[in-house]
Every structure is written in structure tokens, then in C-alpha cells.
Amino acid sequence: MMQHCDTLVADALWETIHGEVQDFVQVKLDTMLRTSFRKKKELSRILSDMRTLSADWMANTGKQEDGHAALHLEREEPKPNTFFPRPVAPTAAQVHCLQFLIGELVSGGNLRKQGSFLGNSGAGIAVDDLNQLETFFYKLSFFLHILDYTATIGTLTDLGFLWFREFYLESSHVIQVVIATFFEEIHKKDALNCLREPRPTPGIWK
């Protein structure tokens, strides 16, 4: 059912992802450029590249207010066709490029230098900025699954993958936690319980 309803939720998902990305690249990156990275030219260049890559300036492009529309109706003027821009989520290529630029930023502008979210010895980025970059990096990883909504739902509901997972865990003797997706065991127990329970006699329902 969720796969068949992908067109109903696609616009809402894209709008949410668009808002998350634009909030970071237009607001948070702008603050970083004016404060922490103001004197770091190489890192400022990377931040500017991130904004150029994904910033979507939609200021003053929203729909007209109801009062303005009512004024047009009162004057009985012909209403022209107006096409409003729609917020569109970034493509998978844009997401990968943003993640690459964040990795380059954390490494101090040189990917061969040592530097990561856990031990930032290469770039000297402030802790607060590093936490924001880390959060946005992992959000982008999650957005990749949401962008291809239909394929993600198909993977989550792929019974063949779940059966293979069960077979692998059993053959490798891996300790597993019982979860609700173990369809085989659940169905087996339900079938056994149905056989053990006494069947009601017809007289009960009279």
C-alpha cells in the first residue's frame, strides 16, 4: 500500500528535504562564513562551494495573498496564468557532492590529511561547527533513502531478503534478538496455536 501511495507523499517528502537542506546551506553556512571560517580562505571556499551547489533562492516567489486575489476578482480583470516554483529535493548526485565537500572540509581542505568527526586534528574546526556538519552529513545519508522512496519501501518489504537474513543468522550461529520481522517463526507459532486450541462447537453460536 505504501508503494502504491508514493505519489501522494512524494511532494511532502521533497518539500521537507528541501527545507532541511536550504536551512543548513543558507542559514547555518552563512553564520559559519561570517564567524568561524572568516579568516580561513581555503575552508571558506569549500563552504561557498556547498552553497553554490545546493542553495535554492526562492525569496518573494510564493503565492499571492487572498486579499490581493480578491481585489483582482472585484475589478473583474482577466487573471493571468501564474506558475509558482515548487521546492524540489536535491538529487542523489548533489547529496554525494555535499558529503564529499563536508569530508574535505573536516580534513582541512586536503583529504590526505588526518581529520574526522571523532578526531578533528586536521582542520581545527570549532566543536559547535563540527557537530552541525556531522549532523548534516548523517541527515544527507538518510535523505538518500527517502529520495528513492519506492525502492526503499521495496527493500524494506522484500521477503526474500528477510528469509536470506534468517538463513544467514542460523547458519552462522549468530546470537539474534527476536523482532517482529521473523515471519517464519511467527507464522509457525500461530499455526501451532490454532491447531492446539479447541474448536468451538456450532451450538455456541446459536
C-alpha atoms as a PDB file:
ATOM      1  CA  MET A   1       0.000   0.000   0.000  1.00  0.00           C
ATOM      2  CA  MET A   2       2.857   2.379   0.803  1.00  0.00           C
ATOM      3  CA  GLN A   3       4.400   1.688  -2.583  1.00  0.00           C
ATOM      4  CA  HIS A   4       1.148   2.484  -4.380  1.00  0.00           C
ATOM      5  CA  CYS A   5       0.806   5.730  -2.414  1.00  0.00           C
ATOM      6  CA  ASP A   6       4.291   7.039  -3.211  1.00  0.00           C
ATOM      7  CA  THR A   7       2.912   9.815  -5.421  1.00  0.00           C
ATOM      8  CA  LEU A   8       0.808  11.096  -2.517  1.00  0.00           C
ATOM      9  CA  VAL A   9       3.742  11.538  -0.153  1.00  0.00           C
ATOM     10  CA  ALA A  10       6.476  12.418  -2.663  1.00  0.00           C
ATOM     11  CA  ASP A  11       5.745  16.158  -2.682  1.00  0.00           C
ATOM     12  CA  ALA A  12       5.658  16.358   1.110  1.00  0.00           C
ATOM     13  CA  LEU A  13       8.920  14.426   1.410  1.00  0.00           C
ATOM     14  CA  TRP A  14      10.658  16.561  -1.202  1.00  0.00           C
ATOM     15  CA  GLU A  15       9.456  19.745   0.452  1.00  0.00           C
ATOM     16  CA  THR A  16      10.736  18.579   3.847  1.00  0.00           C
ATOM     17  CA  ILE A  17      14.137  17.582   2.486  1.00  0.00           C
ATOM     18  CA  HIS A  18      14.337  20.825   0.523  1.00  0.00           C
ATOM     19  CA  GLY A  19      13.641  22.812   3.690  1.00  0.00           C
ATOM     20  CA  GLU A  20      16.251  20.905   5.718  1.00  0.00           C
ATOM     21  CA  VAL A  21      18.968  21.387   3.104  1.00  0.00           C
ATOM     22  CA  GLN A  22      18.189  25.049   2.492  1.00  0.00           C
ATOM     23  CA  ASP A  23      18.112  25.816   6.210  1.00  0.00           C
ATOM     24  CA  PHE A  24      21.643  24.477   6.516  1.00  0.00           C
ATOM     25  CA  VAL A  25      23.243  25.897   3.363  1.00  0.00           C
ATOM     26  CA  GLN A  26      21.578  29.317   3.547  1.00  0.00           C
ATOM     27  CA  VAL A  27      21.430  29.985   7.295  1.00  0.00           C
ATOM     28  CA  LYS A  28      23.964  27.858   9.137  1.00  0.00           C
ATOM     29  CA  LEU A  29      26.670  28.016   6.494  1.00  0.00           C
ATOM     30  CA  ASP A  30      26.210  31.775   6.253  1.00  0.00           C
ATOM     31  CA  THR A  31      26.795  32.058  10.002  1.00  0.00           C
ATOM     32  CA  MET A  32      29.923  29.904   9.733  1.00  0.00           C
ATOM     33  CA  LEU A  33      31.267  32.028   6.872  1.00  0.00           C
ATOM     34  CA  ARG A  34      30.822  35.216   8.893  1.00  0.00           C
ATOM     35  CA  THR A  35      32.282  33.856  12.147  1.00  0.00           C
ATOM     36  CA  SER A  36      34.399  30.721  12.462  1.00  0.00           C
ATOM     37  CA  PHE A  37      35.684  30.476   8.884  1.00  0.00           C
ATOM     38  CA  ARG A  38      36.053  34.186   8.139  1.00  0.00           C
ATOM     39  CA  LYS A  39      39.863  34.117   8.197  1.00  0.00           C
ATOM     40  CA  LYS A  40      40.259  30.620   6.733  1.00  0.00           C
ATOM     41  CA  LYS A  41      40.235  31.189   2.989  1.00  0.00           C
ATOM     42  CA  GLU A  42      40.525  27.570   1.888  1.00  0.00           C
ATOM     43  CA  LEU A  43      37.761  26.361   4.187  1.00  0.00           C
ATOM     44  CA  SER A  44      35.605  29.354   3.281  1.00  0.00           C
ATOM     45  CA  ARG A  45      35.955  28.370  -0.369  1.00  0.00           C
ATOM     46  CA  ILE A  46      34.613  24.891   0.417  1.00  0.00           C
ATOM     47  CA  LEU A  47      31.648  26.367   2.305  1.00  0.00           C
ATOM     48  CA  SER A  48      30.942  28.686  -0.616  1.00  0.00           C
ATOM     49  CA  ASP A  49      31.044  25.702  -2.984  1.00  0.00           C
ATOM     50  CA  MET A  50      28.485  23.924  -0.812  1.00  0.00           C
ATOM     51  CA  ARG A  51      26.144  26.908  -1.004  1.00  0.00           C
ATOM     52  CA  THR A  52      26.637  27.308  -4.749  1.00  0.00           C
ATOM     53  CA  LEU A  53      25.955  23.610  -5.280  1.00  0.00           C
ATOM     54  CA  SER A  54      22.668  23.378  -3.391  1.00  0.00           C
ATOM     55  CA  ALA A  55      21.306  26.828  -2.488  1.00  0.00           C
ATOM     56  CA  ASP A  56      17.843  27.412  -3.950  1.00  0.00           C
ATOM     57  CA  TRP A  57      16.886  31.055  -3.566  1.00  0.00           C
ATOM     58  CA  MET A  58      13.068  31.214  -3.584  1.00  0.00           C
ATOM     59  CA  ALA A  59      12.557  34.588  -1.878  1.00  0.00           C
ATOM     60  CA  ASN A  60       9.431  36.540  -2.909  1.00  0.00           C
ATOM     61  CA  THR A  61       8.252  33.726  -5.144  1.00  0.00           C
ATOM     62  CA  GLY A  62       5.378  32.465  -3.014  1.00  0.00           C
ATOM     63  CA  LYS A  63       1.708  32.587  -3.803  1.00  0.00           C
ATOM     64  CA  GLN A  64      -0.204  35.848  -3.619  1.00  0.00           C
ATOM     65  CA  GLU A  65      -2.264  36.647  -0.551  1.00  0.00           C
ATOM     66  CA  ASP A  66      -6.017  36.131  -0.524  1.00  0.00           C
ATOM     67  CA  GLY A  67      -6.726  39.848  -0.260  1.00  0.00           C
ATOM     68  CA  HIS A  68      -4.732  40.608  -3.363  1.00  0.00           C
ATOM     69  CA  ALA A  69      -6.522  37.853  -5.249  1.00  0.00           C
ATOM     70  CA  ALA A  70      -9.914  39.146  -4.096  1.00  0.00           C
ATOM     71  CA  LEU A  71      -9.023  42.617  -5.369  1.00  0.00           C
ATOM     72  CA  HIS A  72      -8.417  41.160  -8.811  1.00  0.00           C
ATOM     73  CA  LEU A  73     -11.831  39.487  -8.729  1.00  0.00           C
ATOM     74  CA  GLU A  74     -13.599  42.707  -7.748  1.00  0.00           C
ATOM     75  CA  ARG A  75     -12.108  44.570 -10.674  1.00  0.00           C
ATOM     76  CA  GLU A  76     -13.064  41.669 -12.950  1.00  0.00           C
ATOM     77  CA  GLU A  77      -9.683  41.797 -14.605  1.00  0.00           C
ATOM     78  CA  PRO A  78      -8.526  38.763 -16.535  1.00  0.00           C
ATOM     79  CA  LYS A  79      -6.321  36.670 -14.288  1.00  0.00           C
ATOM     80  CA  PRO A  80      -3.083  35.663 -15.994  1.00  0.00           C
ATOM     81  CA  ASN A  81      -1.650  32.197 -15.693  1.00  0.00           C
ATOM     82  CA  THR A  82       0.940  32.177 -12.935  1.00  0.00           C
ATOM     83  CA  PHE A  83       3.360  29.338 -12.394  1.00  0.00           C
ATOM     84  CA  PHE A  84       4.783  29.188  -8.898  1.00  0.00           C
ATOM     85  CA  PRO A  85       8.075  27.410  -8.208  1.00  0.00           C
ATOM     86  CA  ARG A  86       7.939  24.136  -6.326  1.00  0.00           C
ATOM     87  CA  PRO A  87      10.530  23.105  -3.748  1.00  0.00           C
ATOM     88  CA  VAL A  88      12.471  20.200  -5.193  1.00  0.00           C
ATOM     89  CA  ALA A  89      14.728  17.944  -3.169  1.00  0.00           C
ATOM     90  CA  PRO A  90      18.395  17.683  -4.166  1.00  0.00           C
ATOM     91  CA  THR A  91      19.403  14.914  -6.491  1.00  0.00           C
ATOM     92  CA  ALA A  92      21.485  11.966  -5.335  1.00  0.00           C
ATOM     93  CA  ALA A  93      24.498  13.473  -7.125  1.00  0.00           C
ATOM     94  CA  GLN A  94      24.102  16.723  -5.169  1.00  0.00           C
ATOM     95  CA  VAL A  95      23.867  14.800  -1.896  1.00  0.00           C
ATOM     96  CA  HIS A  96      27.050  12.854  -2.646  1.00  0.00           C
ATOM     97  CA  CYS A  97      28.859  16.058  -3.615  1.00  0.00           C
ATOM     98  CA  LEU A  98      27.787  17.743  -0.373  1.00  0.00           C
ATOM     99  CA  GLN A  99      29.040  14.771   1.628  1.00  0.00           C
ATOM    100  CA  PHE A 100      32.352  14.880  -0.249  1.00  0.00           C
ATOM    101  CA  LEU A 101      32.731  18.608   0.456  1.00  0.00           C
ATOM    102  CA  ILE A 102      31.980  18.059   4.149  1.00  0.00           C
ATOM    103  CA  GLY A 103      34.664  15.375   4.232  1.00  0.00           C
ATOM    104  CA  GLU A 104      37.093  17.754   2.539  1.00  0.00           C
ATOM    105  CA  LEU A 105      36.144  20.487   4.981  1.00  0.00           C
ATOM    106  CA  VAL A 106      36.720  18.296   8.034  1.00  0.00           C
ATOM    107  CA  SER A 107      40.115  17.250   6.695  1.00  0.00           C
ATOM    108  CA  GLY A 108      41.195  20.881   6.414  1.00  0.00           C
ATOM    109  CA  GLY A 109      40.902  21.194   2.647  1.00  0.00           C
ATOM    110  CA  ASN A 110      43.158  18.223   1.986  1.00  0.00           C
ATOM    111  CA  LEU A 111      41.663  14.745   2.030  1.00  0.00           C
ATOM    112  CA  ARG A 112      45.096  13.232   2.651  1.00  0.00           C
ATOM    113  CA  LYS A 113      45.353  14.999   5.986  1.00  0.00           C
ATOM    114  CA  GLN A 114      44.137  13.354   9.150  1.00  0.00           C
ATOM    115  CA  GLY A 115      40.766  14.597  10.265  1.00  0.00           C
ATOM    116  CA  SER A 116      37.342  13.219  11.052  1.00  0.00           C
ATOM    117  CA  PHE A 117      34.236  13.888  13.091  1.00  0.00           C
ATOM    118  CA  LEU A 118      35.676  11.925  16.011  1.00  0.00           C
ATOM    119  CA  GLY A 119      39.182  13.387  15.986  1.00  0.00           C
ATOM    120  CA  ASN A 120      39.458  16.696  14.189  1.00  0.00           C
ATOM    121  CA  SER A 121      43.205  17.214  14.185  1.00  0.00           C
ATOM    122  CA  GLY A 122      43.474  18.312  10.577  1.00  0.00           C
ATOM    123  CA  ALA A 123      41.166  21.300  10.210  1.00  0.00           C
ATOM    124  CA  GLY A 124      40.908  22.928  13.618  1.00  0.00           C
ATOM    125  CA  ILE A 125      37.158  23.455  13.299  1.00  0.00           C
ATOM    126  CA  ALA A 126      35.209  24.616  16.328  1.00  0.00           C
ATOM    127  CA  VAL A 127      33.304  21.911  18.189  1.00  0.00           C
ATOM    128  CA  ASP A 128      29.889  23.500  17.591  1.00  0.00           C
ATOM    129  CA  ASP A 129      30.504  23.808  13.849  1.00  0.00           C
ATOM    130  CA  LEU A 130      31.825  20.265  13.730  1.00  0.00           C
ATOM    131  CA  ASN A 131      28.674  18.955  15.427  1.00  0.00           C
ATOM    132  CA  GLN A 132      26.476  20.779  12.918  1.00  0.00           C
ATOM    133  CA  LEU A 133      28.471  19.409   9.994  1.00  0.00           C
ATOM    134  CA  GLU A 134      28.304  15.901  11.432  1.00  0.00           C
ATOM    135  CA  THR A 135      24.535  16.095  11.939  1.00  0.00           C
ATOM    136  CA  PHE A 136      24.001  17.388   8.415  1.00  0.00           C
ATOM    137  CA  PHE A 137      26.290  14.693   6.982  1.00  0.00           C
ATOM    138  CA  TYR A 138      24.211  11.901   8.536  1.00  0.00           C
ATOM    139  CA  LYS A 139      20.976  13.612   7.505  1.00  0.00           C
ATOM    140  CA  LEU A 140      22.191  13.555   3.914  1.00  0.00           C
ATOM    141  CA  SER A 141      22.822   9.813   4.229  1.00  0.00           C
ATOM    142  CA  PHE A 142      19.233   9.359   5.384  1.00  0.00           C
ATOM    143  CA  PHE A 143      17.914  11.609   2.597  1.00  0.00           C
ATOM    144  CA  LEU A 144      19.370   9.237   0.014  1.00  0.00           C
ATOM    145  CA  HIS A 145      16.924   6.556   1.182  1.00  0.00           C
ATOM    146  CA  ILE A 146      13.977   8.964   1.179  1.00  0.00           C
ATOM    147  CA  LEU A 147      14.694  10.375  -2.285  1.00  0.00           C
ATOM    148  CA  ASP A 148      14.152   6.944  -3.826  1.00  0.00           C
ATOM    149  CA  TYR A 149      11.076   6.265  -1.733  1.00  0.00           C
ATOM    150  CA  THR A 150       9.674   3.429  -3.847  1.00  0.00           C
ATOM    151  CA  ALA A 151      12.945   1.492  -3.945  1.00  0.00           C
ATOM    152  CA  THR A 152      13.421   1.921  -0.189  1.00  0.00           C
ATOM    153  CA  ILE A 153       9.938   0.571   0.582  1.00  0.00           C
ATOM    154  CA  GLY A 154      10.588  -2.312  -1.783  1.00  0.00           C
ATOM    155  CA  THR A 155      13.816  -3.167   0.024  1.00  0.00           C
ATOM    156  CA  LEU A 156      12.217  -2.990   3.467  1.00  0.00           C
ATOM    157  CA  THR A 157       9.386  -5.270   2.440  1.00  0.00           C
ATOM    158  CA  ASP A 158      11.489  -7.718   0.431  1.00  0.00           C
ATOM    159  CA  LEU A 159      10.611 -11.056   1.990  1.00  0.00           C
ATOM    160  CA  GLY A 160      13.401 -12.746   0.057  1.00  0.00           C
ATOM    161  CA  PHE A 161      15.963 -10.574   1.850  1.00  0.00           C
ATOM    162  CA  LEU A 162      14.389 -11.334   5.226  1.00  0.00           C
ATOM    163  CA  TRP A 163      14.440 -15.075   4.543  1.00  0.00           C
ATOM    164  CA  PHE A 164      18.088 -14.874   3.461  1.00  0.00           C
ATOM    165  CA  ARG A 165      18.900 -12.902   6.614  1.00  0.00           C
ATOM    166  CA  GLU A 166      17.289 -15.603   8.753  1.00  0.00           C
ATOM    167  CA  PHE A 167      19.176 -18.333   6.909  1.00  0.00           C
ATOM    168  CA  TYR A 168      22.491 -16.487   7.336  1.00  0.00           C
ATOM    169  CA  LEU A 169      21.972 -15.901  11.067  1.00  0.00           C
ATOM    170  CA  GLU A 170      21.025 -19.525  11.659  1.00  0.00           C
ATOM    171  CA  SER A 171      23.913 -20.955   9.620  1.00  0.00           C
ATOM    172  CA  SER A 172      26.497 -18.630  11.187  1.00  0.00           C
ATOM    173  CA  HIS A 173      25.145 -19.233  14.729  1.00  0.00           C
ATOM    174  CA  VAL A 174      24.881 -15.512  15.373  1.00  0.00           C
ATOM    175  CA  ILE A 175      23.006 -14.519  18.508  1.00  0.00           C
ATOM    176  CA  GLN A 176      19.976 -12.565  17.419  1.00  0.00           C
ATOM    177  CA  VAL A 177      17.314 -10.537  19.122  1.00  0.00           C
ATOM    178  CA  VAL A 178      13.757 -11.593  18.401  1.00  0.00           C
ATOM    179  CA  ILE A 179      11.983  -8.924  16.362  1.00  0.00           C
ATOM    180  CA  ALA A 180       8.611  -8.743  14.693  1.00  0.00           C
ATOM    181  CA  THR A 181      10.021  -9.352  11.210  1.00  0.00           C
ATOM    182  CA  PHE A 182      10.764 -13.018  11.793  1.00  0.00           C
ATOM    183  CA  PHE A 183       7.802 -14.104   9.688  1.00  0.00           C
ATOM    184  CA  GLU A 184       8.627 -17.778   9.538  1.00  0.00           C
ATOM    185  CA  GLU A 185       8.748 -18.316  13.296  1.00  0.00           C
ATOM    186  CA  ILE A 186       5.698 -16.155  13.942  1.00  0.00           C
ATOM    187  CA  HIS A 187       3.586 -17.937  11.352  1.00  0.00           C
ATOM    188  CA  LYS A 188       4.733 -21.314  12.623  1.00  0.00           C
ATOM    189  CA  LYS A 189       3.726 -20.476  16.199  1.00  0.00           C
ATOM    190  CA  ASP A 190       0.386 -19.085  15.073  1.00  0.00           C
ATOM    191  CA  ALA A 191      -0.350 -22.241  13.101  1.00  0.00           C
ATOM    192  CA  LEU A 192       0.536 -24.485  16.052  1.00  0.00           C
ATOM    193  CA  ASN A 193      -1.587 -22.448  18.442  1.00  0.00           C
ATOM    194  CA  CYS A 194      -4.553 -22.692  16.103  1.00  0.00           C
ATOM    195  CA  LEU A 195      -4.204 -26.476  15.996  1.00  0.00           C
ATOM    196  CA  ARG A 196      -3.911 -26.804  19.771  1.00  0.00           C
ATOM    197  CA  GLU A 197      -6.877 -24.597  20.624  1.00  0.00           C
ATOM    198  CA  PRO A 198     -10.220 -26.443  20.784  1.00  0.00           C
ATOM    199  CA  ARG A 199     -12.592 -25.541  18.023  1.00  0.00           C
ATOM    200  CA  PRO A 200     -15.933 -24.043  19.095  1.00  0.00           C
ATOM    201  CA  THR A 201     -18.950 -26.229  18.656  1.00  0.00           C
ATOM    202  CA  PRO A 202     -21.778 -24.983  16.427  1.00  0.00           C
ATOM    203  CA  GLY A 203     -24.072 -24.697  19.428  1.00  0.00           C
ATOM    204  CA  ILE A 204     -22.087 -21.845  20.914  1.00  0.00           C
ATOM    205  CA  TRP A 205     -23.072 -19.503  18.108  1.00  0.00           C
ATOM    206  CA  LYS A 206     -26.774 -20.258  18.309  1.00  0.00           C
END
